[in-house]
PDB file of N, CA and C in Angstrom:
ATOM      1  N   MET A   1       1.231  -1.713  -0.489  1.00  0.00           N
ATOM      2  CA  MET A   1       0.286  -0.074  -0.048  1.00  0.00           C
ATOM      3  C   MET A   1       0.913   1.237  -0.032  1.00  0.00           C
ATOM      4  N   ARG A   2       0.168   2.316  -0.859  1.00  0.00           N
ATOM      5  CA  ARG A   2       1.256   3.461  -0.309  1.00  0.00           C
ATOM      6  C   ARG A   2       0.212   4.375   0.467  1.00  0.00           C
ATOM      7  N   GLY A   3       1.547   4.781   1.505  1.00  0.00           N
ATOM      8  CA  GLY A   3       0.830   5.089   2.903  1.00  0.00           C
ATOM      9  C   GLY A   3       0.495   6.487   2.393  1.00  0.00           C
ATOM     10  N   ARG A   4       1.058   7.473   1.519  1.00  0.00           N
ATOM     11  CA  ARG A   4       0.613   8.707   1.534  1.00  0.00           C
ATOM     12  C   ARG A   4      -1.060   8.804   0.706  1.00  0.00           C
ATOM     13  N   GLN A   5      -1.697   7.635  -0.063  1.00  0.00           N
ATOM     14  CA  GLN A   5      -2.853   8.008  -0.573  1.00  0.00           C
ATOM     15  C   GLN A   5      -4.043   7.827   0.662  1.00  0.00           C
ATOM     16  N   LEU A   6      -3.430   7.212   1.469  1.00  0.00           N
ATOM     17  CA  LEU A   6      -4.060   6.905   2.719  1.00  0.00           C
ATOM     18  C   LEU A   6      -4.495   7.911   3.855  1.00  0.00           C
ATOM     19  N   GLY A   7      -3.800   8.948   3.030  1.00  0.00           N
ATOM     20  CA  GLY A   7      -4.018  10.310   4.336  1.00  0.00           C
ATOM     21  C   GLY A   7      -3.995  10.182   5.478  1.00  0.00           C
ATOM     22  N   GLY A   8      -3.478   9.594   6.349  1.00  0.00           N
ATOM     23  CA  GLY A   8      -3.088   9.488   7.364  1.00  0.00           C
ATOM     24  C   GLY A   8      -3.670   7.938   8.172  1.00  0.00           C
ATOM     25  N   PHE A   9      -4.690   7.794   7.403  1.00  0.00           N
ATOM     26  CA  PHE A   9      -5.699   6.413   7.222  1.00  0.00           C
ATOM     27  C   PHE A   9      -4.659   5.439   8.569  1.00  0.00           C
ATOM     28  N   ARG A  10      -5.171   4.783   9.566  1.00  0.00           N
ATOM     29  CA  ARG A  10      -4.231   3.315  10.340  1.00  0.00           C
ATOM     30  C   ARG A  10      -5.955   2.219  10.110  1.00  0.00           C
ATOM     31  N   HIS A  11      -5.123   1.490   9.636  1.00  0.00           N
ATOM     32  CA  HIS A  11      -5.807   0.042   9.506  1.00  0.00           C
ATOM     33  C   HIS A  11      -6.059  -0.633  10.930  1.00  0.00           C
ATOM     34  N   GLU A  12      -5.380   0.087  12.431  1.00  0.00           N
ATOM     35  CA  GLU A  12      -5.328  -0.856  13.525  1.00  0.00           C
ATOM     36  C   GLU A  12      -7.222  -0.159  14.261  1.00  0.00           C
ATOM     37  N   LEU A  13      -7.302   0.652  13.563  1.00  0.00           N
ATOM     38  CA  LEU A  13      -8.253   1.016  14.063  1.00  0.00           C
ATOM     39  C   LEU A  13      -9.960   0.410  13.780  1.00  0.00           C
ATOM     40  N   ALA A  14      -9.701   0.344  12.257  1.00  0.00           N
ATOM     41  CA  ALA A  14     -10.471  -0.795  11.665  1.00  0.00           C
ATOM     42  C   ALA A  14     -10.394  -2.193  11.598  1.00  0.00           C
ATOM     43  N   SER A  15      -9.573  -2.331  12.368  1.00  0.00           N
ATOM     44  CA  SER A  15      -9.338  -3.866  12.880  1.00  0.00           C
ATOM     45  C   SER A  15      -9.887  -4.518  14.079  1.00  0.00           C
ATOM     46  N   VAL A  16      -9.993  -3.232  14.764  1.00  0.00           N
ATOM     47  CA  VAL A  16     -10.678  -3.118  16.447  1.00  0.00           C
ATOM     48  C   VAL A  16     -12.441  -3.605  16.214  1.00  0.00           C
ATOM     49  N   ARG A  17     -12.648  -2.357  14.873  1.00  0.00           N
ATOM     50  CA  ARG A  17     -13.907  -2.710  14.560  1.00  0.00           C
ATOM     51  C   ARG A  17     -14.337  -4.332  14.053  1.00  0.00           C
ATOM     52  N   ARG A  18     -13.255  -4.777  13.331  1.00  0.00           N
ATOM     53  CA  ARG A  18     -14.168  -6.055  12.725  1.00  0.00           C
ATOM     54  C   ARG A  18     -13.544  -7.659  13.662  1.00  0.00           C
ATOM     55  N   ALA A  19     -12.848  -6.954  15.094  1.00  0.00           N
ATOM     56  CA  ALA A  19     -12.573  -8.166  15.639  1.00  0.00           C
ATOM     57  C   ALA A  19     -13.594  -7.789  16.471  1.00  0.00           C
ATOM     58  N   ARG A  20     -14.240  -6.834  17.615  1.00  0.00           N
ATOM     59  CA  ARG A  20     -14.936  -7.174  17.790  1.00  0.00           C
ATOM     60  C   ARG A  20     -16.738  -7.684  17.503  1.00  0.00           C
ATOM     61  N   GLU A  21     -16.366  -7.689  16.318  1.00  0.00           N
ATOM     62  CA  GLU A  21     -17.514  -8.195  15.666  1.00  0.00           C
ATOM     63  C   GLU A  21     -17.533  -9.979  15.505  1.00  0.00           C
ATOM     64  N   CYS A  22     -17.033 -10.310  15.311  1.00  0.00           N
ATOM     65  CA  CYS A  22     -15.727 -11.593  15.466  1.00  0.00           C
ATOM     66  C   CYS A  22     -16.643 -12.358  16.650  1.00  0.00           C
ATOM     67  N   SER A  23     -17.606 -13.692  16.061  1.00  0.00           N
ATOM     68  CA  SER A  23     -18.118 -14.128  17.028  1.00  0.00           C
ATOM     69  C   SER A  23     -17.332 -14.961  18.086  1.00  0.00           C
ATOM     70  N   GLY A  24     -16.024 -14.919  17.786  1.00  0.00           N
ATOM     71  CA  GLY A  24     -14.735 -15.697  18.779  1.00  0.00           C
ATOM     72  C   GLY A  24     -14.846 -15.050  20.312  1.00  0.00           C
ATOM     73  N   PHE A  25     -14.887 -13.279  20.136  1.00  0.00           N
ATOM     74  CA  PHE A  25     -14.360 -12.481  21.194  1.00  0.00           C
ATOM     75  C   PHE A  25     -15.754 -13.083  22.599  1.00  0.00           C
ATOM     76  N   ALA A  26     -16.778 -13.530  22.453  1.00  0.00           N
ATOM     77  CA  ALA A  26     -17.949 -13.501  23.177  1.00  0.00           C
ATOM     78  C   ALA A  26     -17.552 -14.710  23.817  1.00  0.00           C
ATOM     79  N   GLU A  27     -16.528 -15.642  23.569  1.00  0.00           N
ATOM     80  CA  GLU A  27     -16.489 -16.380  24.269  1.00  0.00           C
ATOM     81  C   GLU A  27     -14.889 -15.982  25.466  1.00  0.00           C
ATOM     82  N   LEU A  28     -14.500 -15.292  25.077  1.00  0.00           N
ATOM     83  CA  LEU A  28     -13.175 -14.825  26.049  1.00  0.00           C
ATOM     84  C   LEU A  28     -14.135 -13.958  27.360  1.00  0.00           C
ATOM     85  N   THR A  29     -13.259 -13.708  28.229  1.00  0.00           N
ATOM     86  CA  THR A  29     -13.741 -12.672  29.558  1.00  0.00           C
ATOM     87  C   THR A  29     -13.386 -11.572  29.204  1.00  0.00           C
ATOM     88  N   PRO A  30     -13.982 -10.567  29.881  1.00  0.00           N
ATOM     89  CA  PRO A  30     -13.880  -9.239  29.635  1.00  0.00           C
ATOM     90  C   PRO A  30     -12.560  -8.782  29.778  1.00  0.00           C
ATOM     91  N   GLU A  31     -11.270  -9.515  30.903  1.00  0.00           N
ATOM     92  CA  GLU A  31     -10.233  -8.927  30.572  1.00  0.00           C
ATOM     93  C   GLU A  31      -9.556  -9.409  29.266  1.00  0.00           C
ATOM     94  N   ILE A  32      -9.305 -10.623  29.096  1.00  0.00           N
ATOM     95  CA  ILE A  32      -8.412 -11.062  27.887  1.00  0.00           C
ATOM     96  C   ILE A  32      -9.497 -10.188  26.305  1.00  0.00           C
ATOM     97  N   THR A  33     -10.975 -10.575  26.318  1.00  0.00           N
ATOM     98  CA  THR A  33     -11.026  -9.351  25.763  1.00  0.00           C
ATOM     99  C   THR A  33     -10.247  -7.877  24.999  1.00  0.00           C
ATOM    100  N   ASP A  34     -10.218  -7.064  26.627  1.00  0.00           N
ATOM    101  CA  ASP A  34     -10.121  -6.192  26.555  1.00  0.00           C
ATOM    102  C   ASP A  34      -8.237  -5.835  26.081  1.00  0.00           C
ATOM    103  N   LEU A  35      -7.602  -6.776  26.551  1.00  0.00           N
ATOM    104  CA  LEU A  35      -6.641  -6.803  26.265  1.00  0.00           C
ATOM    105  C   LEU A  35      -5.763  -7.461  24.824  1.00  0.00           C
ATOM    106  N   ALA A  36      -6.682  -7.735  24.325  1.00  0.00           N
ATOM    107  CA  ALA A  36      -6.845  -8.183  22.719  1.00  0.00           C
ATOM    108  C   ALA A  36      -6.674  -7.137  22.002  1.00  0.00           C
ATOM    109  N   LEU A  37      -8.311  -7.153  22.488  1.00  0.00           N
ATOM    110  CA  LEU A  37      -8.911  -5.738  21.264  1.00  0.00           C
ATOM    111  C   LEU A  37      -7.564  -4.183  21.451  1.00  0.00           C
ATOM    112  N   HIS A  38      -6.813  -4.330  22.674  1.00  0.00           N
ATOM    113  CA  HIS A  38      -6.027  -3.190  22.906  1.00  0.00           C
ATOM    114  C   HIS A  38      -4.707  -3.843  21.939  1.00  0.00           C
ATOM    115  N   LEU A  39      -4.117  -4.708  22.177  1.00  0.00           N
ATOM    116  CA  LEU A  39      -3.108  -5.287  21.646  1.00  0.00           C
ATOM    117  C   LEU A  39      -3.030  -4.711  19.771  1.00  0.00           C
ATOM    118  N   ILE A  40      -4.434  -5.528  19.667  1.00  0.00           N
ATOM    119  CA  ILE A  40      -5.148  -5.041  17.716  1.00  0.00           C
ATOM    120  C   ILE A  40      -4.772  -3.436  18.071  1.00  0.00           C
ATOM    121  N   ALA A  41      -5.544  -2.708  18.795  1.00  0.00           N
ATOM    122  CA  ALA A  41      -5.163  -1.523  18.409  1.00  0.00           C
ATOM    123  C   ALA A  41      -3.499  -0.551  18.060  1.00  0.00           C
ATOM    124  N   THR A  42      -2.663  -1.610  18.871  1.00  0.00           N
ATOM    125  CA  THR A  42      -1.403  -0.695  18.938  1.00  0.00           C
ATOM    126  C   THR A  42      -0.189  -1.768  18.312  1.00  0.00           C
ATOM    127  N   HIS A  43      -0.735  -2.540  17.865  1.00  0.00           N
ATOM    128  CA  HIS A  43       0.274  -3.185  16.807  1.00  0.00           C
ATOM    129  C   HIS A  43       1.229  -3.072  16.250  1.00  0.00           C
ATOM    130  N   HIS A  44       1.268  -1.318  15.807  1.00  0.00           N
ATOM    131  CA  HIS A  44       1.899  -1.028  15.115  1.00  0.00           C
ATOM    132  C   HIS A  44       2.427   0.442  15.886  1.00  0.00           C
ATOM    133  N   GLY A  45       2.185   0.527  17.135  1.00  0.00           N
ATOM    134  CA  GLY A  45       2.965   1.408  18.097  1.00  0.00           C
ATOM    135  C   GLY A  45       1.700   2.901  18.378  1.00  0.00           C
ATOM    136  N   HIS A  46       0.726   2.787  17.096  1.00  0.00           N
ATOM    137  CA  HIS A  46       0.103   3.845  17.145  1.00  0.00           C
ATOM    138  C   HIS A  46      -1.197   3.734  17.875  1.00  0.00           C
ATOM    139  N   GLY A  47      -2.210   4.200  18.291  1.00  0.00           N
ATOM    140  CA  GLY A  47      -3.392   3.969  19.208  1.00  0.00           C
ATOM    141  C   GLY A  47      -3.112   3.930  20.642  1.00  0.00           C
ATOM    142  N   ARG A  48      -1.842   4.389  21.145  1.00  0.00           N
ATOM    143  CA  ARG A  48      -0.864   4.371  22.856  1.00  0.00           C
ATOM    144  C   ARG A  48      -0.858   6.127  22.910  1.00  0.00           C
ATOM    145  N   PRO A  49      -1.883   6.133  23.924  1.00  0.00           N
ATOM    146  CA  PRO A  49      -3.062   6.254  24.269  1.00  0.00           C
ATOM    147  C   PRO A  49      -4.258   6.437  23.638  1.00  0.00           C
ATOM    148  N   CYS A  50      -4.134   7.057  22.383  1.00  0.00           N
ATOM    149  CA  CYS A  50      -5.162   8.254  21.517  1.00  0.00           C
ATOM    150  C   CYS A  50      -4.840   7.599  19.976  1.00  0.00           C
ATOM    151  N   PHE A  51      -6.152   7.704  19.296  1.00  0.00           N
ATOM    152  CA  PHE A  51      -5.638   7.625  17.728  1.00  0.00           C
ATOM    153  C   PHE A  51      -5.950   8.820  17.520  1.00  0.00           C
ATOM    154  N   GLU A  52      -4.989   9.640  16.512  1.00  0.00           N
ATOM    155  CA  GLU A  52      -5.303  11.378  15.952  1.00  0.00           C
ATOM    156  C   GLU A  52      -6.500  10.788  14.655  1.00  0.00           C
ATOM    157  N   SER A  53      -6.922  11.930  14.537  1.00  0.00           N
ATOM    158  CA  SER A  53      -8.708  12.106  14.104  1.00  0.00           C
ATOM    159  C   SER A  53      -8.064  11.551  12.375  1.00  0.00           C
ATOM    160  N   LYS A  54      -6.641  12.024  11.988  1.00  0.00           N
ATOM    161  CA  LYS A  54      -6.661  11.632  10.716  1.00  0.00           C
ATOM    162  C   LYS A  54      -6.299  10.172  10.510  1.00  0.00           C
ATOM    163  N   ALA A  55      -6.162   9.463  11.365  1.00  0.00           N
ATOM    164  CA  ALA A  55      -6.089   7.537  11.199  1.00  0.00           C
ATOM    165  C   ALA A  55      -7.748   7.324  11.066  1.00  0.00           C
ATOM    166  N   TYR A  56      -8.388   8.057  11.151  1.00  0.00           N
ATOM    167  CA  TYR A  56     -10.125   7.506  11.208  1.00  0.00           C
ATOM    168  C   TYR A  56     -10.521   6.895   9.696  1.00  0.00           C
ATOM    169  N   ASP A  57     -11.426   6.328   9.838  1.00  0.00           N
ATOM    170  CA  ASP A  57     -11.797   5.992   8.234  1.00  0.00           C
ATOM    171  C   ASP A  57     -12.233   7.137   7.472  1.00  0.00           C
ATOM    172  N   ARG A  58     -12.417   7.414   6.192  1.00  0.00           N
ATOM    173  CA  ARG A  58     -13.389   8.538   6.525  1.00  0.00           C
ATOM    174  C   ARG A  58     -14.546   8.416   5.831  1.00  0.00           C
ATOM    175  N   ALA A  59     -15.174   6.773   5.630  1.00  0.00           N
ATOM    176  CA  ALA A  59     -16.263   6.808   5.312  1.00  0.00           C
ATOM    177  C   ALA A  59     -17.179   6.498   6.022  1.00  0.00           C
ATOM    178  N   ARG A  60     -16.636   6.398   7.612  1.00  0.00           N
ATOM    179  CA  ARG A  60     -17.026   5.874   9.106  1.00  0.00           C
ATOM    180  C   ARG A  60     -17.011   6.890  10.005  1.00  0.00           C
ATOM    181  N   LEU A  61     -16.370   8.514   9.919  1.00  0.00           N
ATOM    182  CA  LEU A  61     -16.165   9.448  10.908  1.00  0.00           C
ATOM    183  C   LEU A  61     -16.515   9.112  12.561  1.00  0.00           C
ATOM    184  N   ARG A  62     -17.696   9.066  12.208  1.00  0.00           N
ATOM    185  CA  ARG A  62     -18.151   8.862  13.346  1.00  0.00           C
ATOM    186  C   ARG A  62     -17.918   7.908  14.715  1.00  0.00           C
ATOM    187  N   GLU A  63     -18.145   6.781  13.944  1.00  0.00           N
ATOM    188  CA  GLU A  63     -18.202   5.148  14.131  1.00  0.00           C
ATOM    189  C   GLU A  63     -16.426   5.430  14.930  1.00  0.00           C
ATOM    190  N   SER A  64     -15.257   5.838  13.668  1.00  0.00           N
ATOM    191  CA  SER A  64     -13.996   6.004  13.879  1.00  0.00           C
ATOM    192  C   SER A  64     -13.794   6.851  15.238  1.00  0.00           C
ATOM    193  N   GLY A  65     -14.300   7.817  15.532  1.00  0.00           N
ATOM    194  CA  GLY A  65     -14.042   8.464  16.804  1.00  0.00           C
ATOM    195  C   GLY A  65     -14.641   7.915  17.526  1.00  0.00           C
ATOM    196  N   GLU A  66     -15.920   7.331  17.895  1.00  0.00           N
ATOM    197  CA  GLU A  66     -16.067   6.548  19.233  1.00  0.00           C
ATOM    198  C   GLU A  66     -15.452   5.534  19.269  1.00  0.00           C
ATOM    199  N   LEU A  67     -14.922   4.481  18.263  1.00  0.00           N
ATOM    200  CA  LEU A  67     -13.804   3.313  18.490  1.00  0.00           C
ATOM    201  C   LEU A  67     -12.549   4.380  19.272  1.00  0.00           C
ATOM    202  N   ALA A  68     -12.284   4.642  18.196  1.00  0.00           N
ATOM    203  CA  ALA A  68     -11.070   5.966  19.164  1.00  0.00           C
ATOM    204  C   ALA A  68     -10.823   6.274  20.813  1.00  0.00           C
ATOM    205  N   GLN A  69     -12.365   6.230  20.932  1.00  0.00           N
ATOM    206  CA  GLN A  69     -12.572   7.065  22.256  1.00  0.00           C
ATOM    207  C   GLN A  69     -12.214   5.474  23.096  1.00  0.00           C
ATOM    208  N   GLU A  70     -13.103   4.803  22.685  1.00  0.00           N
ATOM    209  CA  GLU A  70     -13.085   3.572  23.154  1.00  0.00           C
ATOM    210  C   GLU A  70     -11.715   3.001  23.516  1.00  0.00           C
ATOM    211  N   CYS A  71     -10.339   2.753  22.463  1.00  0.00           N
ATOM    212  CA  CYS A  71      -9.489   2.430  22.576  1.00  0.00           C
ATOM    213  C   CYS A  71      -8.899   2.801  23.669  1.00  0.00           C
ATOM    214  N   THR A  72      -8.814   4.621  23.886  1.00  0.00           N
ATOM    215  CA  THR A  72      -8.236   5.723  24.929  1.00  0.00           C
ATOM    216  C   THR A  72      -8.990   5.127  26.673  1.00  0.00           C
ATOM    217  N   ARG A  73     -10.092   4.753  26.785  1.00  0.00           N
ATOM    218  CA  ARG A  73     -10.503   4.429  27.410  1.00  0.00           C
ATOM    219  C   ARG A  73     -10.144   2.588  28.142  1.00  0.00           C
ATOM    220  N   ARG A  74     -10.074   2.305  27.070  1.00  0.00           N
ATOM    221  CA  ARG A  74      -9.560   0.293  26.840  1.00  0.00           C
ATOM    222  C   ARG A  74      -7.702   0.678  27.299  1.00  0.00           C
ATOM    223  N   PHE A  75      -7.226   1.753  26.829  1.00  0.00           N
ATOM    224  CA  PHE A  75      -5.480   1.746  26.855  1.00  0.00           C
ATOM    225  C   PHE A  75      -5.763   2.102  29.157  1.00  0.00           C
ATOM    226  N   ALA A  76      -6.629   2.733  29.138  1.00  0.00           N
ATOM    227  CA  ALA A  76      -6.240   3.472  30.731  1.00  0.00           C
ATOM    228  C   ALA A  76      -6.682   2.086  31.481  1.00  0.00           C
ATOM    229  N   LYS A  77      -7.534   1.439  31.217  1.00  0.00           N
ATOM    230  CA  LYS A  77      -8.169   0.345  31.816  1.00  0.00           C
ATOM    231  C   LYS A  77      -6.964  -0.596  31.711  1.00  0.00           C
ATOM    232  N   VAL A  78      -6.339  -1.387  30.715  1.00  0.00           N
ATOM    233  CA  VAL A  78      -5.619  -2.099  30.903  1.00  0.00           C
ATOM    234  C   VAL A  78      -4.083  -1.936  31.083  1.00  0.00           C
ATOM    235  N   GLN A  79      -3.863  -1.009  30.993  1.00  0.00           N
ATOM    236  CA  GLN A  79      -2.567  -0.551  31.930  1.00  0.00           C
ATOM    237  C   GLN A  79      -2.546   0.016  33.421  1.00  0.00           C
ATOM    238  N   GLN A  80      -3.637   0.215  33.866  1.00  0.00           N
ATOM    239  CA  GLN A  80      -3.646   0.014  35.285  1.00  0.00           C
ATOM    240  C   GLN A  80      -3.858  -1.503  35.937  1.00  0.00           C
ATOM    241  N   HIS A  81      -4.830  -2.511  34.504  1.00  0.00           N
ATOM    242  CA  HIS A  81      -4.838  -3.837  34.941  1.00  0.00           C
ATOM    243  C   HIS A  81      -2.559  -4.666  35.285  1.00  0.00           C
ATOM    244  N   TYR A  82      -2.172  -4.127  34.162  1.00  0.00           N
ATOM    245  CA  TYR A  82      -1.088  -4.982  33.754  1.00  0.00           C
ATOM    246  C   TYR A  82       0.030  -4.017  34.553  1.00  0.00           C
ATOM    247  N   GLY A  83      -0.085  -2.782  35.020  1.00  0.00           N
ATOM    248  CA  GLY A  83       0.643  -2.376  34.892  1.00  0.00           C
ATOM    249  C   GLY A  83       1.262  -1.384  33.505  1.00  0.00           C
ATOM    250  N   ALA A  84       2.342  -0.627  34.002  1.00  0.00           N
ATOM    251  CA  ALA A  84       2.878   0.642  32.410  1.00  0.00           C
ATOM    252  C   ALA A  84       3.831  -0.633  31.811  1.00  0.00           C
ATOM    253  N   TRP A  85       4.899  -1.081  32.437  1.00  0.00           N
ATOM    254  CA  TRP A  85       5.687  -1.970  31.827  1.00  0.00           C
ATOM    255  C   TRP A  85       5.437  -3.231  31.457  1.00  0.00           C
ATOM    256  N   GLY A  86       4.330  -3.825  32.160  1.00  0.00           N
ATOM    257  CA  GLY A  86       4.194  -5.461  32.077  1.00  0.00           C
ATOM    258  C   GLY A  86       3.263  -4.962  30.878  1.00  0.00           C
ATOM    259  N   LEU A  87       2.230  -4.140  30.204  1.00  0.00           N
ATOM    260  CA  LEU A  87       1.278  -3.617  28.873  1.00  0.00           C
ATOM    261  C   LEU A  87       2.315  -3.594  27.939  1.00  0.00           C
ATOM    262  N   ALA A  88       3.267  -2.825  28.405  1.00  0.00           N
ATOM    263  CA  ALA A  88       4.685  -2.047  27.199  1.00  0.00           C
ATOM    264  C   ALA A  88       5.051  -3.818  26.884  1.00  0.00           C
ATOM    265  N   TYR A  89       5.448  -4.156  27.845  1.00  0.00           N
ATOM    266  CA  TYR A  89       6.211  -5.672  27.320  1.00  0.00           C
ATOM    267  C   TYR A  89       5.275  -6.601  26.817  1.00  0.00           C
ATOM    268  N   LEU A  90       3.834  -6.478  26.900  1.00  0.00           N
ATOM    269  CA  LEU A  90       3.195  -7.473  26.480  1.00  0.00           C
ATOM    270  C   LEU A  90       2.654  -7.087  25.155  1.00  0.00           C
ATOM    271  N   GLU A  91       2.819  -5.929  24.006  1.00  0.00           N
ATOM    272  CA  GLU A  91       2.901  -4.765  23.295  1.00  0.00           C
ATOM    273  C   GLU A  91       3.744  -5.153  22.583  1.00  0.00           C
ATOM    274  N   SER A  92       5.174  -5.345  23.138  1.00  0.00           N
ATOM    275  CA  SER A  92       6.316  -5.695  22.798  1.00  0.00           C
ATOM    276  C   SER A  92       6.614  -6.774  21.984  1.00  0.00           C
ATOM    277  N   ILE A  93       5.737  -7.970  22.385  1.00  0.00           N
ATOM    278  CA  ILE A  93       6.086  -9.403  22.002  1.00  0.00           C
ATOM    279  C   ILE A  93       4.952  -9.479  20.722  1.00  0.00           C
ATOM    280  N   LEU A  94       4.179  -8.661  20.627  1.00  0.00           N
ATOM    281  CA  LEU A  94       3.174  -8.943  19.455  1.00  0.00           C
ATOM    282  C   LEU A  94       3.801  -7.858  18.442  1.00  0.00           C
ATOM    283  N   LYS A  95       4.349  -7.060  18.413  1.00  0.00           N
ATOM    284  CA  LYS A  95       5.116  -6.155  17.594  1.00  0.00           C
ATOM    285  C   LYS A  95       5.877  -6.946  16.981  1.00  0.00           C
ATOM    286  N   ALA A  96       6.866  -7.861  17.666  1.00  0.00           N
ATOM    287  CA  ALA A  96       7.631  -8.564  17.409  1.00  0.00           C
ATOM    288  C   ALA A  96       7.471  -9.541  16.696  1.00  0.00           C
ATOM    289  N   ALA A  97       6.280 -10.477  17.352  1.00  0.00           N
ATOM    290  CA  ALA A  97       5.828 -11.355  16.503  1.00  0.00           C
ATOM    291  C   ALA A  97       5.326 -10.692  15.300  1.00  0.00           C
ATOM    292  N   ASP A  98       4.334  -9.784  14.533  1.00  0.00           N
ATOM    293  CA  ASP A  98       4.251  -9.033  13.991  1.00  0.00           C
ATOM    294  C   ASP A  98       5.041  -8.887  12.757  1.00  0.00           C
ATOM    295  N   GLY A  99       6.254  -8.577  12.814  1.00  0.00           N
ATOM    296  CA  GLY A  99       7.911  -8.152  12.171  1.00  0.00           C
ATOM    297  C   GLY A  99       8.100  -9.620  12.013  1.00  0.00           C
ATOM    298  N   ILE A 100       8.230 -10.262  12.156  1.00  0.00           N
ATOM    299  CA  ILE A 100       8.566 -11.368  11.882  1.00  0.00           C
ATOM    300  C   ILE A 100       7.532 -12.371  10.342  1.00  0.00           C
ATOM    301  N   VAL A 101       5.862 -12.124  11.109  1.00  0.00           N
ATOM    302  CA  VAL A 101       5.180 -12.952  10.047  1.00  0.00           C
ATOM    303  C   VAL A 101       5.623 -11.800   8.618  1.00  0.00           C
ATOM    304  N   SER A 102       5.541 -10.482   9.251  1.00  0.00           N
ATOM    305  CA  SER A 102       5.223  -9.730   7.669  1.00  0.00           C
ATOM    306  C   SER A 102       6.655 -10.135   6.843  1.00  0.00           C
ATOM    307  N   ARG A 103       7.628 -10.111   7.835  1.00  0.00           N
ATOM    308  CA  ARG A 103       9.038 -10.032   7.044  1.00  0.00           C
ATOM    309  C   ARG A 103       9.439 -11.097   6.494  1.00  0.00           C
ATOM    310  N   THR A 104       8.201 -12.632   7.097  1.00  0.00           N
ATOM    311  CA  THR A 104       8.293 -13.959   6.119  1.00  0.00           C
ATOM    312  C   THR A 104       7.075 -14.830   5.126  1.00  0.00           C
ATOM    313  N   ALA A 105       6.200 -13.307   5.408  1.00  0.00           N
ATOM    314  CA  ALA A 105       4.558 -13.594   4.592  1.00  0.00           C
ATOM    315  C   ALA A 105       5.193 -13.083   2.713  1.00  0.00           C
ATOM    316  N   PRO A 106       4.914 -13.829   2.130  1.00  0.00           N
ATOM    317  CA  PRO A 106       5.213 -13.875   0.578  1.00  0.00           C
ATOM    318  C   PRO A 106       4.357 -11.955   0.461  1.00  0.00           C
ATOM    319  N   GLU A 107       5.084 -11.491  -0.929  1.00  0.00           N
ATOM    320  CA  GLU A 107       4.756 -10.289  -1.238  1.00  0.00           C
ATOM    321  C   GLU A 107       3.376 -10.375  -1.952  1.00  0.00           C
ATOM    322  N   GLN A 108       2.622  -8.881  -1.177  1.00  0.00           N
ATOM    323  CA  GLN A 108       1.508  -8.507  -2.111  1.00  0.00           C
ATOM    324  C   GLN A 108       1.947  -8.344  -3.558  1.00  0.00           C
ATOM    325  N   PRO A 109       0.855  -8.695  -4.521  1.00  0.00           N
ATOM    326  CA  PRO A 109       0.949  -7.704  -5.431  1.00  0.00           C
ATOM    327  C   PRO A 109       0.505  -6.122  -5.936  1.00  0.00           C
ATOM    328  N   THR A 110       1.104  -5.512  -6.373  1.00  0.00           N
ATOM    329  CA  THR A 110       0.968  -4.345  -6.352  1.00  0.00           C
ATOM    330  C   THR A 110      -0.114  -3.875  -7.450  1.00  0.00           C
ATOM    331  N   ASN A 111      -1.173  -3.023  -7.211  1.00  0.00           N
ATOM    332  CA  ASN A 111      -1.327  -2.352  -8.193  1.00  0.00           C
ATOM    333  C   ASN A 111      -1.334  -1.044  -9.538  1.00  0.00           C
ATOM    334  N   GLY A 112      -1.123  -1.216 -10.012  1.00  0.00           N
ATOM    335  CA  GLY A 112      -0.866   0.123 -11.072  1.00  0.00           C
ATOM    336  C   GLY A 112       0.989   0.310 -10.069  1.00  0.00           C
TER     337      GLY A 112
END
């Protein structure tokens, strides 16, 4: 993808919306659900503690704003539960795993 064409849009916020819709989340405890959604929101280092408005989905501005506020509240809750260093540690594990998978994944074709 070409970052400049996205105008600041961050897929992490859209991924949170999609994850909340997954039926598997209903089986998780509220604490694990909060942690999972937080890690999805922050897996590239954005959304900690909040998303800038330029990260919002232009087609869903209101919903994106509500999700961003929810992410900020969730950040405070999970940081209180895991502690600042504990949460940073969990985030770093996911970021490292994401980097490894991205590096070994086959290249995606580009359009144009």
